[in-house]
Structures are given as C-alpha cells and as structure tokens.
N, C-alpha and C. Protein backbone atom coordinates (compact mmCIF):
# COMPACT_ATOMS: atom_id res chain seq x y z
N UNK A 1 76.10 69.10 76.43
CA UNK A 1 77.17 68.18 76.75
C UNK A 1 76.57 67.01 77.52
N UNK A 2 77.03 65.84 77.22
CA UNK A 2 76.47 64.68 77.92
C UNK A 2 77.04 64.57 79.34
N UNK A 3 76.25 63.98 80.23
CA UNK A 3 76.60 63.94 81.66
C UNK A 3 77.91 63.22 81.94
N UNK A 4 78.17 62.12 81.21
CA UNK A 4 79.42 61.39 81.42
C UNK A 4 80.63 62.23 81.06
N UNK A 5 80.53 62.97 79.96
CA UNK A 5 81.64 63.84 79.55
C UNK A 5 81.85 64.95 80.56
N UNK A 6 80.76 65.56 81.03
CA UNK A 6 80.87 66.63 82.03
C UNK A 6 81.52 66.09 83.31
N UNK A 7 81.11 64.90 83.74
CA UNK A 7 81.69 64.30 84.95
C UNK A 7 83.18 64.05 84.76
N UNK A 8 83.56 63.53 83.60
CA UNK A 8 84.98 63.29 83.31
C UNK A 8 85.78 64.59 83.33
N UNK A 9 85.22 65.64 82.77
CA UNK A 9 85.91 66.93 82.75
C UNK A 9 86.07 67.51 84.16
N UNK A 10 85.03 67.40 84.97
CA UNK A 10 85.11 67.91 86.35
C UNK A 10 86.14 67.12 87.15
N UNK A 11 86.13 65.79 87.02
CA UNK A 11 87.13 64.98 87.72
C UNK A 11 88.54 65.32 87.23
N UNK A 12 88.69 65.56 85.93
CA UNK A 12 89.99 65.97 85.39
C UNK A 12 90.44 67.31 85.96
N UNK A 13 89.50 68.23 86.11
CA UNK A 13 89.81 69.53 86.71
C UNK A 13 90.31 69.36 88.14
N UNK A 14 89.60 68.55 88.92
CA UNK A 14 90.00 68.31 90.31
C UNK A 14 91.38 67.66 90.37
N UNK A 15 91.60 66.67 89.52
CA UNK A 15 92.91 66.01 89.50
C UNK A 15 94.02 66.99 89.11
N UNK A 16 93.73 67.86 88.15
CA UNK A 16 94.71 68.87 87.75
C UNK A 16 95.05 69.82 88.89
N UNK A 17 94.05 70.21 89.65
CA UNK A 17 94.28 71.09 90.80
C UNK A 17 95.16 70.39 91.84
N UNK A 18 94.87 69.13 92.10
CA UNK A 18 95.67 68.36 93.07
C UNK A 18 97.12 68.28 92.61
N UNK A 19 97.33 67.96 91.35
CA UNK A 19 98.70 67.83 90.84
C UNK A 19 99.43 69.18 90.86
N UNK A 20 98.71 70.25 90.54
CA UNK A 20 99.32 71.58 90.57
C UNK A 20 99.74 71.95 91.98
N UNK A 21 98.87 71.69 92.95
CA UNK A 21 99.19 72.02 94.35
C UNK A 21 100.36 71.21 94.86
N UNK A 22 100.51 69.99 94.36
CA UNK A 22 101.63 69.15 94.80
C UNK A 22 102.95 69.64 94.22
N UNK A 23 102.90 70.20 93.02
CA UNK A 23 104.14 70.53 92.32
C UNK A 23 104.64 71.94 92.62
N UNK A 24 103.77 72.83 93.09
CA UNK A 24 104.24 74.19 93.39
C UNK A 24 103.35 74.84 94.43
N UNK A 25 103.92 75.82 95.08
CA UNK A 25 103.18 76.58 96.08
C UNK A 25 102.20 77.53 95.40
N UNK A 26 101.03 77.66 95.97
CA UNK A 26 100.03 78.59 95.44
C UNK A 26 99.85 79.70 96.46
N UNK A 27 100.22 80.93 96.08
CA UNK A 27 100.20 82.04 97.04
C UNK A 27 98.81 82.35 97.61
N UNK A 28 97.78 82.31 96.78
CA UNK A 28 96.43 82.65 97.24
C UNK A 28 95.54 81.43 97.05
N UNK A 29 95.57 80.53 98.01
CA UNK A 29 94.85 79.26 97.90
C UNK A 29 93.34 79.50 97.80
N UNK A 30 92.82 80.46 98.55
CA UNK A 30 91.38 80.70 98.52
C UNK A 30 90.92 81.14 97.13
N UNK A 31 91.65 82.05 96.49
CA UNK A 31 91.29 82.50 95.15
C UNK A 31 91.40 81.35 94.15
N UNK A 32 92.43 80.53 94.31
CA UNK A 32 92.64 79.37 93.44
C UNK A 32 91.47 78.40 93.59
N UNK A 33 91.05 78.16 94.82
CA UNK A 33 89.93 77.25 95.08
C UNK A 33 88.63 77.80 94.49
N UNK A 34 88.41 79.10 94.64
CA UNK A 34 87.21 79.71 94.07
C UNK A 34 87.18 79.59 92.55
N UNK A 35 88.32 79.84 91.92
CA UNK A 35 88.40 79.73 90.47
C UNK A 35 88.14 78.30 90.02
N UNK A 36 88.69 77.33 90.75
CA UNK A 36 88.46 75.93 90.42
C UNK A 36 87.01 75.53 90.59
N UNK A 37 86.40 75.98 91.67
CA UNK A 37 84.98 75.68 91.91
C UNK A 37 84.10 76.31 90.84
N UNK A 38 84.39 77.55 90.47
CA UNK A 38 83.64 78.22 89.41
C UNK A 38 83.77 77.45 88.10
N UNK A 39 84.98 77.00 87.79
CA UNK A 39 85.19 76.23 86.56
C UNK A 39 84.39 74.93 86.59
N UNK A 40 84.37 74.26 87.73
CA UNK A 40 83.59 73.04 87.85
C UNK A 40 82.10 73.27 87.62
N UNK A 41 81.58 74.35 88.16
CA UNK A 41 80.16 74.68 87.97
C UNK A 41 79.89 74.96 86.49
N UNK A 42 80.78 75.70 85.85
CA UNK A 42 80.60 76.01 84.43
C UNK A 42 80.67 74.75 83.57
N UNK A 43 81.64 73.88 83.85
CA UNK A 43 81.76 72.63 83.08
C UNK A 43 80.51 71.78 83.25
N UNK A 44 79.99 71.73 84.46
CA UNK A 44 78.80 70.92 84.73
C UNK A 44 77.53 71.52 84.15
N UNK A 45 77.64 72.72 83.60
CA UNK A 45 76.49 73.34 82.95
C UNK A 45 75.64 74.18 83.88
N UNK A 46 76.19 74.52 85.02
CA UNK A 46 75.44 75.35 85.96
C UNK A 46 75.32 76.78 85.45
N UNK A 47 74.11 77.27 85.43
CA UNK A 47 73.86 78.64 85.00
C UNK A 47 73.48 79.46 86.23
N UNK A 48 74.36 79.39 87.22
CA UNK A 48 74.07 80.03 88.49
C UNK A 48 74.79 81.38 88.57
N UNK A 49 74.32 82.19 89.50
CA UNK A 49 75.06 83.39 89.87
C UNK A 49 76.17 82.89 90.80
N UNK A 50 77.38 82.74 90.24
CA UNK A 50 78.46 82.10 90.98
C UNK A 50 78.83 82.85 92.25
N UNK A 51 78.75 84.16 92.24
CA UNK A 51 79.06 84.93 93.45
C UNK A 51 78.05 84.60 94.55
N UNK A 52 76.79 84.47 94.18
CA UNK A 52 75.75 84.14 95.17
C UNK A 52 75.93 82.71 95.70
N UNK A 53 76.28 81.79 94.82
CA UNK A 53 76.52 80.40 95.24
C UNK A 53 77.70 80.35 96.21
N UNK A 54 78.78 81.08 95.88
CA UNK A 54 79.95 81.12 96.75
C UNK A 54 79.60 81.72 98.11
N UNK A 55 78.83 82.81 98.11
CA UNK A 55 78.44 83.45 99.37
C UNK A 55 77.59 82.51 100.23
N UNK A 56 76.70 81.76 99.58
CA UNK A 56 75.86 80.81 100.33
C UNK A 56 76.73 79.70 100.91
N UNK A 57 77.70 79.22 100.15
CA UNK A 57 78.61 78.20 100.67
C UNK A 57 79.37 78.69 101.89
N UNK A 58 79.86 79.92 101.83
CA UNK A 58 80.58 80.49 102.98
C UNK A 58 79.65 80.65 104.18
N UNK A 59 78.40 81.05 103.91
CA UNK A 59 77.42 81.19 104.99
C UNK A 59 77.19 79.84 105.67
N UNK A 60 77.05 78.79 104.86
CA UNK A 60 76.82 77.46 105.42
C UNK A 60 78.03 76.97 106.22
N UNK A 61 79.21 77.41 105.83
CA UNK A 61 80.43 77.03 106.57
C UNK A 61 80.65 77.90 107.79
N UNK A 62 79.78 78.90 107.98
CA UNK A 62 79.92 79.78 109.13
C UNK A 62 81.02 80.81 108.99
N UNK A 63 81.33 81.19 107.77
CA UNK A 63 82.41 82.17 107.54
C UNK A 63 81.84 83.51 107.17
C-alpha cells in the first residue's frame, strides 16, 4: 500500500473514532482506544507484536 493511502486511511480512522465518541457513549473507552490504535498500526503496515507495543506504551506512560 502506498504511504499516502495509508496516511489517509489512518486519518480517516481517527476521524471516525472522534465522530463516534461525539455521537454516543462508549462504555469501555480504554478497550475502544486499544482497538483503534491496533487498527491504525495494521493499516500503516506495522508487523509488530501489538500486545508488546501496547505494554511498552503503558510503561512509558507510567501505568
């Protein structure tokens, strides 16, 4: 996938999340955010161990 298309898709995903959060309550925001972040990594072509990436992010945030 070309970089411009991947960037457009990731921005579209983020915009969709924002619009969804504005229009309705999300009971488990953390799970929703994790799913969105995982989708962004997949769209961008990341072949990472997503659980490890998420754990490292939480570590960096001090959680």
